[in-house]
Amino acid sequence: MSELKTQLPTDVWVVASWEEFVEIADNPAYEKAKCYYRNGQMRIETMSVRPDLALLAVNLFCTIKGLSVNGFNKCSYRKIGVRECQPDVSYYIGDRAKLAPQGTSIANLDVTPPPDLVIEVADSTLSDDIGEKRLLYEELKVAEYWVIDVQKTEILAFAIIADNGSRRLVRSEVLPGLTIALLEEALQRSRTEDQAQVGAWLLAQFQQQ
């Protein structure tokens, strides 16, 4: 067994072959970790923040607006031999909801299209979430990428532009009518209100739109 496998640093990018990455990512010892691979490097994150608010907001919005949706908590998306990501939350929305992977925690991107929306919840990982991971999601060709900065109660939303990087959003394009500012206010409210109170406030806001 290689030194990389026996003394694996976590929460940083390290050089690794695809085979080394898969052996570690598929190891039950890392079941609760999040695994990423890009450009011959892998990252294993052992600390994560629960994406409760993101799940609540997106699910409520889709329910109120009558949008079909399939969401996943920590589903891995794997392009064999090339890249892998494991966002905190991912969604297939509208007509593409039926394209979501079925019955697996690892979606093979050779046969499954990428999700419409991926969300990372950043506490200590913000620089990587808006840096290397953003590049990874651009290459994955998701439609939209959100980073929830829990320290600043801020949401950085990006539209992925085909073969041309990404650009900041103030309004979601995969969830028409949903403003990022509204989500940020919900995030701020979650500091002093419980989930039921925040959910009731969001519901009222969505019904008014």
N, C-alpha and C. Protein backbone atom coordinates (compact mmCIF):
# COMPACT_ATOMS: atom_id res chain seq x y z
N MET A 1 0.85 -1.20 0.00
CA MET A 1 0.00 0.00 0.00
C MET A 1 0.88 1.24 0.00
N SER A 2 0.57 2.20 -0.82
CA SER A 2 1.41 3.38 -0.97
C SER A 2 1.32 4.29 0.25
N GLU A 3 2.33 5.16 0.37
CA GLU A 3 2.34 6.12 1.47
C GLU A 3 1.14 7.04 1.40
N LEU A 4 0.71 7.38 0.18
CA LEU A 4 -0.46 8.25 0.00
C LEU A 4 -1.68 7.67 0.67
N LYS A 5 -1.86 6.36 0.55
CA LYS A 5 -3.05 5.73 1.09
C LYS A 5 -2.97 5.56 2.61
N THR A 6 -1.77 5.42 3.15
CA THR A 6 -1.65 5.18 4.57
C THR A 6 -1.58 6.49 5.37
N GLN A 7 -1.15 7.58 4.72
CA GLN A 7 -1.04 8.86 5.41
C GLN A 7 -1.74 9.94 4.59
N LEU A 8 -3.00 9.73 4.34
CA LEU A 8 -3.75 10.62 3.46
C LEU A 8 -4.08 11.93 4.15
N PRO A 9 -3.59 13.06 3.64
CA PRO A 9 -4.02 14.36 4.17
C PRO A 9 -5.43 14.67 3.69
N THR A 10 -6.21 15.28 4.55
CA THR A 10 -7.58 15.61 4.19
C THR A 10 -7.77 17.12 4.11
N ASP A 11 -8.84 17.51 3.41
CA ASP A 11 -9.22 18.91 3.27
C ASP A 11 -8.19 19.74 2.52
N VAL A 12 -7.36 19.08 1.72
CA VAL A 12 -6.43 19.75 0.81
C VAL A 12 -6.38 18.91 -0.48
N TRP A 13 -5.93 19.53 -1.56
CA TRP A 13 -5.74 18.81 -2.81
C TRP A 13 -4.37 18.14 -2.80
N VAL A 14 -4.33 16.85 -3.15
CA VAL A 14 -3.07 16.11 -3.21
C VAL A 14 -2.99 15.36 -4.53
N VAL A 15 -1.78 15.18 -5.03
CA VAL A 15 -1.57 14.47 -6.28
C VAL A 15 -1.93 13.00 -6.10
N ALA A 16 -2.69 12.44 -7.03
CA ALA A 16 -3.09 11.03 -6.95
C ALA A 16 -3.50 10.55 -8.33
N SER A 17 -3.29 9.28 -8.57
CA SER A 17 -3.81 8.67 -9.80
C SER A 17 -5.30 8.44 -9.63
N TRP A 18 -6.00 8.23 -10.73
CA TRP A 18 -7.42 7.93 -10.67
C TRP A 18 -7.67 6.66 -9.87
N GLU A 19 -6.81 5.65 -10.05
CA GLU A 19 -6.99 4.39 -9.34
C GLU A 19 -6.85 4.57 -7.83
N GLU A 20 -5.88 5.40 -7.42
CA GLU A 20 -5.73 5.67 -5.99
C GLU A 20 -6.95 6.40 -5.44
N PHE A 21 -7.43 7.36 -6.20
CA PHE A 21 -8.60 8.11 -5.76
C PHE A 21 -9.80 7.20 -5.57
N VAL A 22 -10.10 6.35 -6.56
CA VAL A 22 -11.27 5.49 -6.50
C VAL A 22 -11.17 4.53 -5.31
N GLU A 23 -9.98 4.00 -5.07
CA GLU A 23 -9.82 3.06 -3.95
C GLU A 23 -10.15 3.74 -2.63
N ILE A 24 -9.74 4.99 -2.49
CA ILE A 24 -10.01 5.72 -1.26
C ILE A 24 -11.46 6.18 -1.19
N ALA A 25 -11.96 6.74 -2.29
CA ALA A 25 -13.33 7.26 -2.30
C ALA A 25 -14.36 6.16 -2.05
N ASP A 26 -14.06 4.95 -2.51
CA ASP A 26 -14.99 3.83 -2.35
C ASP A 26 -14.77 3.04 -1.06
N ASN A 27 -13.79 3.46 -0.27
CA ASN A 27 -13.49 2.79 0.99
C ASN A 27 -14.54 3.16 2.04
N PRO A 28 -15.16 2.17 2.70
CA PRO A 28 -16.17 2.47 3.72
C PRO A 28 -15.67 3.39 4.83
N ALA A 29 -14.36 3.44 5.04
CA ALA A 29 -13.80 4.30 6.08
C ALA A 29 -14.05 5.78 5.77
N TYR A 30 -14.27 6.09 4.48
CA TYR A 30 -14.51 7.46 4.07
C TYR A 30 -15.96 7.68 3.66
N GLU A 31 -16.85 6.86 4.19
CA GLU A 31 -18.26 6.93 3.82
C GLU A 31 -18.87 8.29 4.13
N LYS A 32 -18.42 8.93 5.21
CA LYS A 32 -18.99 10.22 5.61
C LYS A 32 -18.21 11.41 5.06
N ALA A 33 -17.14 11.13 4.32
CA ALA A 33 -16.34 12.20 3.73
C ALA A 33 -16.88 12.55 2.34
N LYS A 34 -16.47 13.71 1.84
CA LYS A 34 -16.82 14.11 0.48
C LYS A 34 -15.56 14.03 -0.38
N CYS A 35 -15.71 13.51 -1.60
CA CYS A 35 -14.55 13.20 -2.42
C CYS A 35 -14.60 13.93 -3.76
N TYR A 36 -13.46 14.51 -4.15
CA TYR A 36 -13.36 15.26 -5.40
C TYR A 36 -12.08 14.85 -6.14
N TYR A 37 -12.14 14.92 -7.48
CA TYR A 37 -10.96 14.62 -8.28
C TYR A 37 -10.95 15.52 -9.51
N ARG A 38 -9.79 16.12 -9.77
CA ARG A 38 -9.64 17.00 -10.94
C ARG A 38 -8.17 17.17 -11.27
N ASN A 39 -7.83 17.08 -12.55
CA ASN A 39 -6.46 17.35 -13.02
C ASN A 39 -5.40 16.57 -12.26
N GLY A 40 -5.65 15.28 -12.02
CA GLY A 40 -4.66 14.45 -11.35
C GLY A 40 -4.48 14.73 -9.88
N GLN A 41 -5.46 15.41 -9.28
CA GLN A 41 -5.43 15.68 -7.84
C GLN A 41 -6.76 15.29 -7.21
N MET A 42 -6.69 14.89 -5.95
CA MET A 42 -7.91 14.56 -5.24
C MET A 42 -8.00 15.36 -3.95
N ARG A 43 -9.23 15.51 -3.48
CA ARG A 43 -9.50 16.20 -2.22
C ARG A 43 -10.53 15.40 -1.46
N ILE A 44 -10.22 15.08 -0.21
CA ILE A 44 -11.15 14.38 0.67
C ILE A 44 -11.51 15.33 1.80
N GLU A 45 -12.79 15.69 1.88
CA GLU A 45 -13.24 16.61 2.93
C GLU A 45 -13.90 15.82 4.04
N THR A 46 -13.40 16.00 5.24
CA THR A 46 -13.93 15.25 6.39
C THR A 46 -14.90 16.07 7.22
N MET A 47 -14.93 17.38 7.00
CA MET A 47 -15.84 18.24 7.75
C MET A 47 -16.83 18.86 6.78
N SER A 48 -18.11 18.80 7.11
CA SER A 48 -19.12 19.40 6.25
C SER A 48 -20.22 20.03 7.09
N VAL A 49 -20.94 20.96 6.49
CA VAL A 49 -22.03 21.66 7.15
C VAL A 49 -23.34 21.17 6.54
N ARG A 50 -24.31 20.87 7.37
CA ARG A 50 -25.57 20.34 6.86
C ARG A 50 -26.26 21.38 5.97
N PRO A 51 -26.75 20.95 4.80
CA PRO A 51 -27.37 21.89 3.86
C PRO A 51 -28.87 22.06 4.08
N ASP A 52 -29.31 22.12 5.35
CA ASP A 52 -30.74 22.11 5.65
C ASP A 52 -31.50 23.26 4.98
N LEU A 53 -30.96 24.48 5.05
CA LEU A 53 -31.68 25.63 4.51
C LEU A 53 -31.80 25.53 2.99
N ALA A 54 -30.73 25.08 2.33
CA ALA A 54 -30.77 24.94 0.88
C ALA A 54 -31.84 23.94 0.46
N LEU A 55 -31.88 22.81 1.15
CA LEU A 55 -32.89 21.80 0.85
C LEU A 55 -34.30 22.35 1.06
N LEU A 56 -34.49 23.03 2.18
CA LEU A 56 -35.80 23.59 2.51
C LEU A 56 -36.24 24.60 1.45
N ALA A 57 -35.36 25.53 1.10
CA ALA A 57 -35.72 26.61 0.18
C ALA A 57 -36.04 26.09 -1.22
N VAL A 58 -35.17 25.24 -1.74
CA VAL A 58 -35.38 24.75 -3.11
C VAL A 58 -36.63 23.87 -3.19
N ASN A 59 -36.80 23.00 -2.22
CA ASN A 59 -37.96 22.11 -2.24
C ASN A 59 -39.27 22.88 -2.09
N LEU A 60 -39.28 23.88 -1.22
CA LEU A 60 -40.48 24.71 -1.06
C LEU A 60 -40.79 25.48 -2.34
N PHE A 61 -39.75 26.07 -2.94
CA PHE A 61 -39.95 26.86 -4.15
C PHE A 61 -40.53 25.99 -5.27
N CYS A 62 -39.95 24.82 -5.46
CA CYS A 62 -40.43 23.93 -6.53
C CYS A 62 -41.85 23.46 -6.27
N THR A 63 -42.19 23.22 -5.01
CA THR A 63 -43.54 22.79 -4.67
C THR A 63 -44.56 23.89 -4.98
N ILE A 64 -44.25 25.12 -4.55
CA ILE A 64 -45.16 26.24 -4.77
C ILE A 64 -45.32 26.55 -6.26
N LYS A 65 -44.23 26.45 -7.01
CA LYS A 65 -44.25 26.81 -8.43
C LYS A 65 -44.64 25.64 -9.33
N GLY A 66 -44.85 24.46 -8.75
CA GLY A 66 -45.25 23.31 -9.54
C GLY A 66 -44.15 22.79 -10.45
N LEU A 67 -42.90 22.94 -10.03
CA LEU A 67 -41.76 22.47 -10.81
C LEU A 67 -41.40 21.04 -10.42
N SER A 68 -41.21 20.19 -11.40
CA SER A 68 -40.70 18.85 -11.11
C SER A 68 -39.26 18.97 -10.64
N VAL A 69 -38.88 18.15 -9.67
CA VAL A 69 -37.52 18.25 -9.14
C VAL A 69 -37.10 16.90 -8.56
N ASN A 70 -35.84 16.57 -8.73
CA ASN A 70 -35.22 15.43 -8.06
C ASN A 70 -33.94 15.93 -7.42
N GLY A 71 -33.87 15.84 -6.10
CA GLY A 71 -32.71 16.35 -5.37
C GLY A 71 -31.94 15.25 -4.69
N PHE A 72 -30.63 15.50 -4.51
CA PHE A 72 -29.75 14.51 -3.90
C PHE A 72 -28.84 15.17 -2.88
N ASN A 73 -28.63 14.48 -1.78
CA ASN A 73 -27.74 14.93 -0.73
C ASN A 73 -26.46 14.10 -0.80
N LYS A 74 -25.38 14.71 -1.28
CA LYS A 74 -24.07 14.07 -1.37
C LYS A 74 -24.00 12.95 -2.41
N CYS A 75 -24.71 13.04 -3.48
CA CYS A 75 -24.54 12.11 -4.59
C CYS A 75 -23.22 12.43 -5.29
N SER A 76 -22.45 11.41 -5.68
CA SER A 76 -21.21 11.61 -6.41
C SER A 76 -21.47 11.56 -7.91
N TYR A 77 -20.79 12.44 -8.63
CA TYR A 77 -20.88 12.45 -10.09
C TYR A 77 -19.50 12.12 -10.64
N ARG A 78 -19.40 11.02 -11.37
CA ARG A 78 -18.10 10.45 -11.76
C ARG A 78 -17.95 10.36 -13.27
N LYS A 79 -16.94 11.05 -13.79
CA LYS A 79 -16.49 10.88 -15.17
C LYS A 79 -15.25 10.00 -15.07
N ILE A 80 -15.39 8.74 -15.39
CA ILE A 80 -14.37 7.74 -15.09
C ILE A 80 -13.02 8.14 -15.67
N GLY A 81 -12.01 8.13 -14.80
CA GLY A 81 -10.65 8.43 -15.20
C GLY A 81 -10.33 9.91 -15.32
N VAL A 82 -11.34 10.77 -15.14
CA VAL A 82 -11.15 12.20 -15.41
C VAL A 82 -11.44 13.07 -14.20
N ARG A 83 -12.68 13.00 -13.68
CA ARG A 83 -13.07 13.89 -12.59
C ARG A 83 -14.21 13.29 -11.78
N GLU A 84 -14.34 13.78 -10.57
CA GLU A 84 -15.47 13.39 -9.71
C GLU A 84 -15.75 14.52 -8.74
N CYS A 85 -17.02 14.68 -8.39
CA CYS A 85 -17.40 15.68 -7.39
C CYS A 85 -18.52 15.10 -6.53
N GLN A 86 -18.66 15.68 -5.36
CA GLN A 86 -19.70 15.24 -4.43
C GLN A 86 -20.28 16.46 -3.72
N PRO A 87 -21.11 17.22 -4.42
CA PRO A 87 -21.66 18.44 -3.82
C PRO A 87 -22.56 18.13 -2.63
N ASP A 88 -22.74 19.14 -1.77
CA ASP A 88 -23.63 18.96 -0.62
C ASP A 88 -25.05 18.67 -1.08
N VAL A 89 -25.49 19.37 -2.10
CA VAL A 89 -26.84 19.17 -2.65
C VAL A 89 -26.76 19.30 -4.16
N SER A 90 -27.55 18.51 -4.88
CA SER A 90 -27.64 18.63 -6.33
C SER A 90 -29.07 18.38 -6.77
N TYR A 91 -29.47 19.05 -7.85
CA TYR A 91 -30.86 18.97 -8.31
C TYR A 91 -30.95 18.82 -9.82
N TYR A 92 -31.92 18.02 -10.25
CA TYR A 92 -32.40 17.98 -11.63
C TYR A 92 -33.79 18.61 -11.60
N ILE A 93 -34.01 19.61 -12.45
CA ILE A 93 -35.19 20.46 -12.32
C ILE A 93 -35.99 20.50 -13.61
N GLY A 94 -37.31 20.59 -13.46
CA GLY A 94 -38.20 20.74 -14.61
C GLY A 94 -38.21 19.51 -15.49
N ASP A 95 -38.12 19.70 -16.79
CA ASP A 95 -38.15 18.58 -17.73
C ASP A 95 -36.99 17.62 -17.53
N ARG A 96 -35.89 18.12 -16.93
CA ARG A 96 -34.72 17.26 -16.73
C ARG A 96 -34.79 16.44 -15.45
N ALA A 97 -35.86 16.63 -14.65
CA ALA A 97 -35.98 15.86 -13.41
C ALA A 97 -35.99 14.35 -13.68
N LYS A 98 -36.55 13.97 -14.81
CA LYS A 98 -36.63 12.54 -15.15
C LYS A 98 -35.28 11.96 -15.56
N LEU A 99 -34.26 12.80 -15.76
CA LEU A 99 -32.94 12.34 -16.15
C LEU A 99 -32.04 12.03 -14.95
N ALA A 100 -32.55 12.27 -13.74
CA ALA A 100 -31.76 12.04 -12.53
C ALA A 100 -31.39 10.57 -12.38
N PRO A 101 -30.22 10.29 -11.80
CA PRO A 101 -29.80 8.89 -11.60
C PRO A 101 -30.76 8.18 -10.65
N GLN A 102 -30.91 6.90 -10.86
CA GLN A 102 -31.83 6.10 -10.06
C GLN A 102 -31.07 5.00 -9.30
N GLY A 103 -31.35 4.91 -8.01
CA GLY A 103 -30.86 3.78 -7.22
C GLY A 103 -29.36 3.67 -7.08
N THR A 104 -28.64 4.79 -7.10
CA THR A 104 -27.19 4.72 -6.93
C THR A 104 -26.69 5.98 -6.25
N SER A 105 -25.59 5.86 -5.50
CA SER A 105 -24.99 7.02 -4.86
C SER A 105 -23.87 7.61 -5.72
N ILE A 106 -23.52 6.90 -6.82
CA ILE A 106 -22.51 7.38 -7.74
C ILE A 106 -23.12 7.41 -9.14
N ALA A 107 -23.25 8.61 -9.70
CA ALA A 107 -23.81 8.76 -11.04
C ALA A 107 -22.67 8.74 -12.07
N ASN A 108 -22.75 7.82 -13.01
CA ASN A 108 -21.76 7.71 -14.07
C ASN A 108 -22.07 8.75 -15.15
N LEU A 109 -21.23 9.75 -15.29
CA LEU A 109 -21.49 10.83 -16.24
C LEU A 109 -21.31 10.41 -17.69
N ASP A 110 -20.87 9.19 -17.92
CA ASP A 110 -20.84 8.68 -19.30
C ASP A 110 -22.24 8.29 -19.77
N VAL A 111 -23.14 8.06 -18.81
CA VAL A 111 -24.51 7.67 -19.17
C VAL A 111 -25.56 8.58 -18.55
N THR A 112 -25.18 9.38 -17.56
CA THR A 112 -26.12 10.28 -16.87
C THR A 112 -25.69 11.73 -17.08
N PRO A 113 -26.60 12.60 -17.48
CA PRO A 113 -26.23 14.01 -17.66
C PRO A 113 -25.98 14.68 -16.31
N PRO A 114 -25.22 15.76 -16.29
CA PRO A 114 -24.95 16.46 -15.03
C PRO A 114 -26.21 17.13 -14.51
N PRO A 115 -26.26 17.44 -13.21
CA PRO A 115 -27.44 18.10 -12.64
C PRO A 115 -27.55 19.55 -13.10
N ASP A 116 -28.73 20.13 -12.89
CA ASP A 116 -28.96 21.53 -13.23
C ASP A 116 -28.37 22.48 -12.20
N LEU A 117 -28.43 22.09 -10.94
CA LEU A 117 -27.99 22.95 -9.85
C LEU A 117 -27.18 22.14 -8.86
N VAL A 118 -26.01 22.65 -8.49
CA VAL A 118 -25.24 22.06 -7.40
C VAL A 118 -24.98 23.14 -6.36
N ILE A 119 -24.96 22.73 -5.10
CA ILE A 119 -24.79 23.66 -3.98
C ILE A 119 -23.72 23.12 -3.05
N GLU A 120 -22.78 23.99 -2.69
CA GLU A 120 -21.80 23.69 -1.65
C GLU A 120 -22.04 24.63 -0.48
N VAL A 121 -22.02 24.08 0.74
CA VAL A 121 -22.17 24.89 1.94
C VAL A 121 -20.78 25.08 2.54
N ALA A 122 -20.31 26.32 2.56
CA ALA A 122 -18.93 26.62 2.95
C ALA A 122 -18.86 27.21 4.34
N ASP A 123 -18.06 26.57 5.19
CA ASP A 123 -17.72 27.13 6.49
C ASP A 123 -16.23 27.46 6.46
N SER A 124 -15.40 26.41 6.41
CA SER A 124 -13.94 26.60 6.32
C SER A 124 -13.41 26.33 4.92
N THR A 125 -14.30 26.07 3.95
CA THR A 125 -13.86 25.65 2.61
C THR A 125 -14.14 26.70 1.53
N LEU A 126 -14.44 27.94 1.91
CA LEU A 126 -14.92 28.92 0.95
C LEU A 126 -13.95 29.15 -0.21
N SER A 127 -12.67 29.33 0.08
CA SER A 127 -11.71 29.63 -0.99
C SER A 127 -11.66 28.51 -2.02
N ASP A 128 -11.78 27.29 -1.57
CA ASP A 128 -11.77 26.17 -2.50
C ASP A 128 -13.10 26.06 -3.25
N ASP A 129 -14.21 26.35 -2.56
CA ASP A 129 -15.52 26.26 -3.19
C ASP A 129 -15.68 27.25 -4.34
N ILE A 130 -15.12 28.45 -4.20
CA ILE A 130 -15.24 29.43 -5.27
C ILE A 130 -14.04 29.40 -6.22
N GLY A 131 -13.07 28.54 -5.91
CA GLY A 131 -11.88 28.40 -6.74
C GLY A 131 -11.85 27.10 -7.51
N GLU A 132 -11.13 26.12 -6.98
CA GLU A 132 -10.93 24.85 -7.69
C GLU A 132 -12.24 24.13 -7.97
N LYS A 133 -13.14 24.13 -7.00
CA LYS A 133 -14.41 23.41 -7.22
C LYS A 133 -15.27 24.11 -8.28
N ARG A 134 -15.20 25.42 -8.31
CA ARG A 134 -15.96 26.12 -9.35
C ARG A 134 -15.46 25.72 -10.74
N LEU A 135 -14.15 25.59 -10.88
CA LEU A 135 -13.59 25.12 -12.15
C LEU A 135 -14.07 23.71 -12.46
N LEU A 136 -14.13 22.88 -11.43
CA LEU A 136 -14.60 21.51 -11.60
C LEU A 136 -16.04 21.48 -12.09
N TYR A 137 -16.90 22.31 -11.51
CA TYR A 137 -18.30 22.33 -11.93
C TYR A 137 -18.48 22.97 -13.31
N GLU A 138 -17.59 23.90 -13.66
CA GLU A 138 -17.61 24.43 -15.02
C GLU A 138 -17.31 23.32 -16.03
N GLU A 139 -16.30 22.51 -15.71
CA GLU A 139 -15.94 21.40 -16.60
C GLU A 139 -17.04 20.34 -16.64
N LEU A 140 -17.74 20.20 -15.53
CA LEU A 140 -18.83 19.23 -15.46
C LEU A 140 -20.04 19.69 -16.26
N LYS A 141 -20.09 21.01 -16.53
CA LYS A 141 -21.17 21.62 -17.31
C LYS A 141 -22.53 21.54 -16.62
N VAL A 142 -22.51 21.76 -15.30
CA VAL A 142 -23.79 21.98 -14.62
C VAL A 142 -24.31 23.33 -15.08
N ALA A 143 -25.59 23.58 -14.91
CA ALA A 143 -26.16 24.86 -15.35
C ALA A 143 -25.90 25.97 -14.34
N GLU A 144 -25.97 25.64 -13.05
CA GLU A 144 -25.89 26.67 -12.02
C GLU A 144 -25.19 26.12 -10.77
N TYR A 145 -24.41 26.98 -10.13
CA TYR A 145 -23.62 26.58 -8.96
C TYR A 145 -23.76 27.64 -7.88
N TRP A 146 -24.16 27.20 -6.66
CA TRP A 146 -24.27 28.12 -5.53
C TRP A 146 -23.27 27.73 -4.45
N VAL A 147 -22.67 28.74 -3.84
CA VAL A 147 -21.84 28.55 -2.64
C VAL A 147 -22.49 29.32 -1.51
N ILE A 148 -22.85 28.63 -0.44
CA ILE A 148 -23.47 29.27 0.72
C ILE A 148 -22.37 29.52 1.76
N ASP A 149 -22.03 30.78 1.95
CA ASP A 149 -21.02 31.18 2.93
C ASP A 149 -21.71 31.38 4.28
N VAL A 150 -21.58 30.39 5.15
CA VAL A 150 -22.31 30.45 6.42
C VAL A 150 -21.72 31.49 7.37
N GLN A 151 -20.44 31.84 7.19
CA GLN A 151 -19.82 32.84 8.06
C GLN A 151 -20.39 34.23 7.78
N LYS A 152 -20.53 34.58 6.52
CA LYS A 152 -21.01 35.91 6.14
C LYS A 152 -22.50 35.92 5.81
N THR A 153 -23.17 34.78 5.96
CA THR A 153 -24.57 34.62 5.56
C THR A 153 -24.78 35.21 4.16
N GLU A 154 -23.95 34.74 3.24
CA GLU A 154 -23.97 35.23 1.87
C GLU A 154 -24.04 34.03 0.93
N ILE A 155 -24.68 34.24 -0.22
CA ILE A 155 -24.76 33.18 -1.23
C ILE A 155 -24.14 33.69 -2.53
N LEU A 156 -23.14 32.99 -3.00
CA LEU A 156 -22.49 33.30 -4.26
C LEU A 156 -23.04 32.35 -5.31
N ALA A 157 -23.79 32.88 -6.25
CA ALA A 157 -24.43 32.05 -7.27
C ALA A 157 -23.79 32.33 -8.62
N PHE A 158 -23.56 31.25 -9.37
CA PHE A 158 -22.90 31.36 -10.67
C PHE A 158 -23.69 30.60 -11.73
N ALA A 159 -23.81 31.21 -12.89
CA ALA A 159 -24.32 30.50 -14.07
C ALA A 159 -23.12 29.98 -14.83
N ILE A 160 -23.14 28.70 -15.18
CA ILE A 160 -22.04 28.11 -15.94
C ILE A 160 -22.30 28.35 -17.42
N ILE A 161 -21.34 28.96 -18.08
CA ILE A 161 -21.46 29.31 -19.49
C ILE A 161 -20.69 28.27 -20.30
N ALA A 162 -21.31 27.68 -21.28
CA ALA A 162 -20.69 26.61 -22.06
C ALA A 162 -19.34 27.07 -22.63
N ASP A 163 -18.28 26.36 -22.24
CA ASP A 163 -16.92 26.60 -22.75
C ASP A 163 -16.43 28.01 -22.50
N ASN A 164 -17.01 28.69 -21.51
CA ASN A 164 -16.60 30.08 -21.28
C ASN A 164 -16.67 30.46 -19.80
N GLY A 165 -16.41 29.49 -18.92
CA GLY A 165 -16.35 29.80 -17.50
C GLY A 165 -17.71 29.99 -16.86
N SER A 166 -17.81 30.99 -15.98
CA SER A 166 -19.05 31.23 -15.24
C SER A 166 -19.20 32.71 -14.95
N ARG A 167 -20.41 33.10 -14.59
CA ARG A 167 -20.69 34.50 -14.25
C ARG A 167 -21.62 34.55 -13.05
N ARG A 168 -21.51 35.63 -12.27
CA ARG A 168 -22.33 35.80 -11.07
C ARG A 168 -23.79 36.03 -11.43
N LEU A 169 -24.66 35.56 -10.56
CA LEU A 169 -26.09 35.72 -10.71
C LEU A 169 -26.68 36.47 -9.53
N VAL A 170 -27.70 37.27 -9.78
CA VAL A 170 -28.50 37.85 -8.71
C VAL A 170 -29.88 37.18 -8.68
N ARG A 171 -30.19 36.45 -9.73
CA ARG A 171 -31.46 35.74 -9.83
C ARG A 171 -31.20 34.38 -10.48
N SER A 172 -31.76 33.34 -9.89
CA SER A 172 -31.55 32.00 -10.44
C SER A 172 -32.13 31.89 -11.83
N GLU A 173 -31.44 31.14 -12.69
CA GLU A 173 -31.94 30.90 -14.03
C GLU A 173 -32.57 29.51 -14.16
N VAL A 174 -32.21 28.59 -13.29
CA VAL A 174 -32.83 27.26 -13.34
C VAL A 174 -34.09 27.20 -12.47
N LEU A 175 -34.23 28.18 -11.57
CA LEU A 175 -35.44 28.32 -10.74
C LEU A 175 -36.00 29.71 -11.01
N PRO A 176 -36.68 29.90 -12.13
CA PRO A 176 -37.12 31.24 -12.57
C PRO A 176 -37.94 31.97 -11.51
N GLY A 177 -37.52 33.20 -11.22
CA GLY A 177 -38.23 34.01 -10.25
C GLY A 177 -37.61 34.02 -8.87
N LEU A 178 -36.66 33.13 -8.62
CA LEU A 178 -36.03 33.05 -7.30
C LEU A 178 -34.81 33.96 -7.25
N THR A 179 -34.84 34.96 -6.36
CA THR A 179 -33.72 35.88 -6.23
C THR A 179 -32.75 35.39 -5.15
N ILE A 180 -31.48 35.63 -5.39
CA ILE A 180 -30.46 35.21 -4.43
C ILE A 180 -30.58 36.03 -3.14
N ALA A 181 -30.97 37.30 -3.27
CA ALA A 181 -31.13 38.15 -2.09
C ALA A 181 -32.17 37.59 -1.12
N LEU A 182 -33.24 37.00 -1.66
CA LEU A 182 -34.26 36.39 -0.81
C LEU A 182 -33.69 35.21 -0.04
N LEU A 183 -32.88 34.41 -0.69
CA LEU A 183 -32.26 33.27 -0.02
C LEU A 183 -31.29 33.75 1.06
N GLU A 184 -30.58 34.83 0.78
CA GLU A 184 -29.66 35.37 1.78
C GLU A 184 -30.41 35.88 3.01
N GLU A 185 -31.57 36.49 2.79
CA GLU A 185 -32.36 36.93 3.94
C GLU A 185 -32.83 35.74 4.76
N ALA A 186 -33.22 34.65 4.09
CA ALA A 186 -33.60 33.44 4.81
C ALA A 186 -32.43 32.89 5.61
N LEU A 187 -31.24 32.95 5.03
CA LEU A 187 -30.04 32.48 5.71
C LEU A 187 -29.77 33.32 6.96
N GLN A 188 -29.94 34.62 6.85
CA GLN A 188 -29.76 35.50 7.99
C GLN A 188 -30.80 35.23 9.07
N ARG A 189 -32.05 34.99 8.66
CA ARG A 189 -33.11 34.69 9.63
C ARG A 189 -32.83 33.39 10.38
N SER A 190 -32.16 32.45 9.71
CA SER A 190 -31.89 31.15 10.35
C SER A 190 -30.95 31.28 11.54
N ARG A 191 -30.31 32.44 11.68
CA ARG A 191 -29.43 32.67 12.83
C ARG A 191 -30.23 32.88 14.12
N THR A 192 -31.46 33.37 13.98
CA THR A 192 -32.26 33.69 15.16
C THR A 192 -33.61 32.97 15.20
N GLU A 193 -33.99 32.33 14.09
CA GLU A 193 -35.28 31.64 14.02
C GLU A 193 -35.07 30.16 13.74
N ASP A 194 -36.03 29.33 14.17
CA ASP A 194 -35.90 27.91 13.89
C ASP A 194 -36.35 27.59 12.46
N GLN A 195 -36.17 26.35 12.05
CA GLN A 195 -36.43 25.98 10.67
C GLN A 195 -37.90 26.16 10.30
N ALA A 196 -38.81 25.90 11.23
CA ALA A 196 -40.23 26.07 10.95
C ALA A 196 -40.56 27.53 10.69
N GLN A 197 -39.97 28.44 11.46
CA GLN A 197 -40.23 29.87 11.27
C GLN A 197 -39.67 30.35 9.93
N VAL A 198 -38.44 29.91 9.62
CA VAL A 198 -37.84 30.31 8.34
C VAL A 198 -38.64 29.73 7.18
N GLY A 199 -39.09 28.48 7.34
CA GLY A 199 -39.89 27.85 6.30
C GLY A 199 -41.20 28.57 6.06
N ALA A 200 -41.85 29.01 7.14
CA ALA A 200 -43.12 29.74 7.01
C ALA A 200 -42.89 31.08 6.31
N TRP A 201 -41.78 31.75 6.64
CA TRP A 201 -41.47 33.02 5.99
C TRP A 201 -41.19 32.81 4.50
N LEU A 202 -40.40 31.79 4.17
CA LEU A 202 -40.11 31.50 2.77
C LEU A 202 -41.39 31.18 2.00
N LEU A 203 -42.24 30.38 2.61
CA LEU A 203 -43.50 30.00 1.96
C LEU A 203 -44.32 31.25 1.61
N ALA A 204 -44.41 32.19 2.55
CA ALA A 204 -45.16 33.41 2.31
C ALA A 204 -44.52 34.23 1.18
N GLN A 205 -43.20 34.29 1.14
CA GLN A 205 -42.51 35.05 0.11
C GLN A 205 -42.75 34.42 -1.27
N PHE A 206 -42.65 33.09 -1.34
CA PHE A 206 -42.83 32.41 -2.62
C PHE A 206 -44.26 32.55 -3.14
N GLN A 207 -45.22 32.53 -2.23
CA GLN A 207 -46.62 32.65 -2.64
C GLN A 207 -46.95 34.04 -3.18
N GLN A 208 -46.19 35.04 -2.76
CA GLN A 208 -46.42 36.41 -3.21
C GLN A 208 -45.81 36.68 -4.59
N GLN A 209 -44.91 35.82 -5.01
CA GLN A 209 -44.21 36.04 -6.28
C GLN A 209 -45.05 35.62 -7.47
